[in-house]
Protein backbone atom coordinates (compact mmCIF):
# COMPACT_ATOMS: atom_id res chain seq x y z
CA MET A 1 -14.67 -10.81 8.24
CA LEU A 2 -14.09 -7.12 7.42
CA VAL A 3 -14.32 -4.54 10.20
CA GLU A 4 -15.11 -0.84 9.93
CA ARG A 5 -13.26 -0.10 13.16
CA GLU A 6 -10.06 -1.80 14.20
CA PRO A 7 -10.12 -3.19 17.77
CA SER A 8 -8.79 -0.64 20.23
CA ASN A 9 -6.06 -2.96 21.50
CA SER A 10 -4.70 -3.43 17.97
CA THR A 11 -3.07 0.01 18.12
CA GLU A 12 -1.66 -0.34 21.64
CA THR A 13 1.91 -1.14 22.60
CA ILE A 14 1.29 -4.33 24.57
CA SER A 15 3.66 -5.57 27.23
CA GLY A 16 5.40 -8.76 26.16
CA VAL A 17 4.83 -8.21 22.44
CA HIS A 18 7.94 -7.67 20.36
CA TYR A 19 7.49 -5.19 17.53
CA GLY A 20 9.36 -4.77 14.29
CA THR A 21 12.19 -2.35 13.66
CA PHE A 22 12.58 0.22 10.91
CA GLU A 23 15.55 0.63 8.63
CA LYS A 24 15.95 3.67 6.37
CA VAL A 25 17.35 2.72 2.96
CA THR A 26 18.68 5.18 0.40
CA ILE A 27 19.48 4.17 -3.17
CA TYR A 28 20.40 6.05 -6.31
CA SER A 29 17.42 5.93 -8.64
CA GLU A 30 18.07 5.97 -12.37
CA VAL A 31 14.34 6.54 -12.82
CA CYS A 32 14.46 9.74 -10.75
CA ASN A 33 18.08 10.79 -11.44
CA ARG A 34 18.76 11.25 -7.71
CA ASN A 35 18.87 9.48 -4.37
CA LYS A 36 15.54 8.12 -3.13
CA SER A 37 14.75 6.70 0.30
CA PHE A 38 12.32 4.16 1.66
CA ASN A 39 11.61 2.63 5.06
CA VAL A 40 11.74 -1.10 5.66
CA LEU A 41 9.82 -2.50 8.65
CA LEU A 42 11.42 -5.80 9.63
CA PRO A 43 9.38 -8.20 11.75
CA ALA A 44 10.41 -8.98 15.30
CA GLY A 45 13.11 -11.64 15.28
CA TYR A 46 13.99 -11.04 11.64
CA SER A 47 16.59 -13.59 10.56
CA MET A 48 18.51 -14.15 7.35
CA ASP A 49 17.89 -17.86 7.95
CA ARG A 50 14.23 -17.38 7.03
CA GLU A 51 12.45 -15.86 4.06
CA TYR A 52 9.58 -13.40 4.46
CA PRO A 53 6.76 -12.15 2.25
CA VAL A 54 6.76 -8.44 1.43
CA LEU A 55 4.02 -5.80 1.66
CA TYR A 56 4.49 -2.42 -0.06
CA ILE A 57 2.48 0.44 1.52
CA LEU A 58 2.17 3.66 -0.53
CA HIS A 59 1.51 7.17 0.80
CA GLY A 60 -0.75 9.84 -0.67
CA TYR A 61 -0.27 13.16 -2.49
CA TRP A 62 2.38 15.48 -0.98
CA GLY A 63 3.75 12.63 1.15
CA ASN A 64 7.03 10.79 1.40
CA GLU A 65 8.42 7.56 2.85
CA ASP A 66 7.74 8.79 6.41
CA SER A 67 4.16 9.97 5.92
CA LEU A 68 2.45 6.77 7.09
CA LEU A 69 4.80 6.34 10.04
CA ASP A 70 4.71 8.14 13.40
CA ALA A 71 6.70 10.98 11.84
CA GLY A 72 3.78 11.62 9.49
CA ASN A 73 0.92 10.98 11.92
CA PRO A 74 1.40 9.31 15.32
CA ASN A 75 -2.24 8.20 15.25
CA TYR A 76 -1.75 5.77 12.36
CA LYS A 77 -0.06 3.13 14.56
CA LEU A 78 0.70 0.86 11.60
CA ARG A 79 3.75 -0.67 13.29
CA GLU A 80 1.56 -1.62 16.26
CA ILE A 81 -1.28 -2.94 14.09
CA ILE A 82 1.11 -5.12 12.11
CA GLY A 83 3.08 -6.27 15.15
CA ASN A 84 0.03 -7.10 17.25
CA SER A 85 -1.58 -8.99 14.37
CA ILE A 86 1.54 -11.09 13.89
CA ALA A 87 1.83 -11.72 17.65
CA ASP A 88 -1.82 -12.85 17.76
CA GLY A 89 -1.23 -15.28 14.92
CA GLU A 90 -3.74 -13.36 12.80
CA ALA A 91 -1.13 -12.26 10.26
CA LYS A 92 1.98 -13.83 8.82
CA ASP A 93 5.47 -12.60 9.65
CA MET A 94 6.15 -10.07 6.91
CA ILE A 95 8.41 -7.25 5.80
CA ALA A 96 6.61 -3.96 5.12
CA VAL A 97 8.16 -1.38 2.80
CA PHE A 98 7.16 2.31 2.86
CA PRO A 99 8.59 4.02 -0.26
CA ASP A 100 8.56 7.62 -1.46
CA ILE A 101 6.34 7.22 -4.53
CA TYR A 102 7.02 10.62 -6.10
CA ALA A 103 9.09 9.52 -9.10
CA SER A 104 10.00 12.67 -11.01
CA PRO A 105 13.21 12.64 -13.06
CA THR A 106 13.39 16.45 -12.98
CA GLN A 107 12.35 17.71 -9.54
CA ASP A 108 12.70 16.63 -5.93
CA LYS A 109 9.24 17.43 -4.59
CA CYS A 110 5.67 17.62 -5.79
CA ASP A 111 4.86 21.27 -6.49
CA GLY A 112 1.18 21.17 -7.38
CA LEU A 113 -1.98 19.12 -7.71
CA ASN A 114 -1.98 18.82 -11.48
CA PRO A 115 -1.52 16.41 -14.40
CA LYS A 116 2.25 16.96 -14.49
CA ASN A 117 2.68 15.76 -10.93
CA ASN A 118 0.10 13.00 -11.38
CA ALA A 119 2.33 11.59 -14.11
CA PHE A 120 5.33 11.64 -11.77
CA TYR A 121 3.39 9.60 -9.21
CA ASP A 122 2.31 7.22 -11.97
CA ASN A 123 6.00 6.82 -12.87
CA PHE A 124 6.54 5.10 -9.52
CA ILE A 125 5.74 1.76 -11.13
CA ASN A 126 9.10 1.93 -12.92
CA MET A 127 11.04 2.71 -9.75
CA LEU A 128 9.24 -0.02 -7.82
CA LEU A 129 9.67 -2.78 -10.39
CA GLY A 130 13.09 -1.79 -11.68
CA GLU A 131 14.83 -0.60 -8.51
CA ILE A 132 13.11 -1.12 -5.16
CA MET A 133 11.97 -4.70 -5.64
CA PRO A 134 15.36 -5.84 -7.01
CA TYR A 135 17.05 -4.08 -4.08
CA MET A 136 14.81 -5.88 -1.60
CA GLU A 137 15.52 -9.22 -3.25
CA SER A 138 19.28 -8.62 -3.16
CA ASN A 139 19.56 -7.20 0.36
CA TYR A 140 16.85 -8.87 2.45
CA SER A 141 15.75 -12.43 3.00
CA ILE A 142 12.46 -12.35 1.15
CA LYS A 143 10.13 -14.70 -0.62
CA THR A 144 9.50 -13.82 -4.24
CA GLY A 145 6.52 -14.45 -6.49
CA ARG A 146 2.99 -13.12 -6.50
CA ASN A 147 1.78 -15.32 -3.63
CA ASP A 148 4.27 -13.62 -1.32
CA THR A 149 4.06 -10.05 -2.62
CA ALA A 150 1.34 -7.51 -1.72
CA ILE A 151 0.73 -3.83 -2.35
CA THR A 152 -1.68 -1.29 -0.93
CA GLY A 153 -1.81 2.47 -0.64
CA PHE A 154 -3.69 5.53 0.57
CA SER A 155 -5.26 8.21 -1.67
CA MET A 156 -2.81 8.74 -4.56
CA GLY A 157 -1.00 5.68 -3.26
CA GLY A 158 -4.29 3.80 -3.58
CA ARG A 159 -4.61 4.88 -7.20
CA GLU A 160 -1.04 3.71 -7.80
CA SER A 161 -1.55 0.37 -6.05
CA LEU A 162 -4.59 -0.31 -8.27
CA TYR A 163 -2.65 0.76 -11.36
CA ILE A 164 0.29 -1.47 -10.46
CA GLY A 165 -1.97 -4.36 -9.49
CA PHE A 166 -3.90 -4.28 -12.76
CA THR A 167 -0.73 -3.76 -14.78
CA ARG A 168 1.32 -6.51 -13.14
CA PRO A 169 -1.00 -9.09 -11.55
CA ASP A 170 1.73 -11.62 -12.30
CA LEU A 171 3.84 -9.98 -9.57
CA PHE A 172 1.27 -9.04 -6.91
CA GLY A 173 -1.12 -11.59 -5.49
CA TYR A 174 -2.75 -9.13 -3.08
CA VAL A 175 -3.80 -5.57 -3.92
CA GLY A 176 -5.41 -2.97 -1.69
CA ALA A 177 -6.52 0.65 -2.01
CA ILE A 178 -7.53 3.07 0.75
CA CYS A 179 -9.64 6.03 -0.41
CA PRO A 180 -8.08 5.74 -3.89
CA ALA A 181 -7.64 9.04 -5.72
CA PRO A 182 -9.39 9.90 -9.00
CA GLY A 183 -7.87 9.61 -12.43
CA LEU A 184 -7.10 5.92 -12.73
CA THR A 185 -9.73 5.36 -15.39
CA ASP A 186 -9.06 8.72 -17.06
CA ASP A 187 -5.27 8.64 -17.30
CA LEU A 188 -4.13 5.03 -17.00
CA ILE A 189 -6.65 2.21 -17.46
CA SER A 190 -9.97 2.38 -19.29
CA PRO A 191 -12.93 1.00 -17.33
CA ASP A 192 -13.27 -1.87 -19.81
CA ASN A 193 -9.68 -2.89 -19.12
CA MET A 194 -10.12 -3.08 -15.36
CA VAL A 195 -10.20 -6.87 -15.55
CA PHE A 196 -7.78 -9.70 -14.89
CA LYS A 197 -7.29 -12.09 -17.80
CA ALA A 198 -5.10 -14.68 -16.09
CA GLU A 199 -3.86 -14.23 -12.54
CA THR A 200 -6.44 -12.57 -10.30
CA PRO A 201 -5.15 -10.93 -7.12
CA TYR A 202 -7.11 -10.76 -3.92
CA LEU A 203 -8.39 -7.20 -3.96
CA LEU A 204 -9.67 -4.94 -1.16
CA ILE A 205 -10.89 -1.36 -1.59
CA SER A 206 -11.72 0.66 1.52
CA ALA A 207 -13.41 4.05 1.61
CA GLY A 208 -15.02 6.48 4.03
CA SER A 209 -18.63 7.56 3.78
CA ASP A 210 -17.67 11.10 4.84
CA ASP A 211 -14.54 11.48 2.72
CA ASP A 212 -14.81 14.97 1.23
CA VAL A 213 -11.50 14.72 -0.66
CA VAL A 214 -11.87 11.87 -3.19
CA ASN A 215 -15.54 10.87 -3.04
CA PRO A 216 -17.25 9.55 -5.16
CA TYR A 217 -14.26 7.98 -6.91
CA PRO A 218 -13.56 4.98 -4.63
CA GLU A 219 -17.14 3.76 -5.01
CA GLY A 220 -16.87 4.47 -8.72
CA TYR A 221 -13.93 2.04 -8.94
CA HIS A 222 -15.92 -0.48 -6.91
CA ASN A 223 -18.88 -0.16 -9.30
CA ILE A 224 -16.64 -0.60 -12.36
CA LEU A 225 -15.22 -3.79 -10.89
CA GLU A 226 -18.70 -5.08 -10.09
CA ASN A 227 -19.87 -4.32 -13.61
CA ASN A 228 -16.80 -6.09 -15.01
CA GLY A 229 -17.35 -9.14 -12.83
CA VAL A 230 -14.02 -8.69 -11.00
CA GLU A 231 -14.12 -10.43 -7.65
CA HIS A 232 -13.08 -8.05 -4.88
CA MET A 233 -13.91 -6.89 -1.38
CA TRP A 234 -15.45 -3.47 -0.72
CA ASN A 235 -15.38 -1.98 2.76
CA LEU A 236 -17.25 1.30 3.25
CA VAL A 237 -16.42 2.76 6.67
CA ASN A 238 -19.47 4.63 7.93
CA GLY A 239 -18.32 7.98 9.26
CA GLY A 240 -14.89 7.42 7.75
CA THR A 241 -13.04 10.42 6.38
CA HIS A 242 -9.95 10.84 4.21
CA GLY A 243 -7.48 9.72 6.82
CA GLU A 244 -6.65 7.61 9.83
CA ASN A 245 -10.11 6.21 10.59
CA VAL A 246 -10.09 4.44 7.20
CA ILE A 247 -6.35 3.76 6.97
CA ARG A 248 -6.18 1.84 10.26
CA PRO A 249 -9.09 -0.58 9.64
CA HIS A 250 -7.93 -1.15 6.08
CA ILE A 251 -4.45 -2.19 7.18
CA TYR A 252 -5.95 -4.27 10.00
CA ASN A 253 -8.19 -6.09 7.48
CA PHE A 254 -5.65 -6.34 4.68
CA ILE A 255 -2.78 -7.90 6.60
CA ARG A 256 -5.10 -10.63 7.86
CA PHE A 257 -5.84 -12.10 4.45
CA ILE A 258 -2.56 -11.55 2.61
CA PHE A 259 -0.01 -14.35 2.25
CA ARG A 260 -2.55 -17.04 3.12
């Protein structure tokens, strides 16, 4: 069921298809001691009379809440992929949230690729669980519970989605990682603890064979999970690099099996 290349029409703006709309939300974060913003993609026809599952999509190192949108790279086409999949009946109506995952209490922006900044990205779990998710529950018509909550991310966002998924499988029933960055098993979770003792999320890891940024770490995570007997899906994109030609098929695959 997994594809290495998303269908070409999945990224097109198709006549007659209604696509979701973005809202920019800004909240004061006690975790970060300043205002933080995130983008909320509402499905076409969003209504407060219905409740919707929620997908959180996390950017990579140096990014922000706009990095996976057209403002970051117009070739990602995530709004189109999600909208076309919903219109085709291949994905459920859903709300997608694109947060800024840099959660430093002392500085506004990442200023280096180093352990200090890694820790600030790792701190995102506290902003997500303590601030963003409660805000979404209070201000949007959403379904709650692990069966209606998913998380995935690219690069550092992939590392964080795995960290959050293994830390709180009671909250996230679907976990994805695209070209996940190194350090998860060095800084956060030992390889022996990469297991699920009770609730087991559906888990998809995607990677590119020609990724010269984070290889061989994604496959290393995959091998740890295999050795630990953790059921998951592994999608190696032949010719895939650290970018759009792995991000697009991952999102295309992921949104088709979440919330089922």
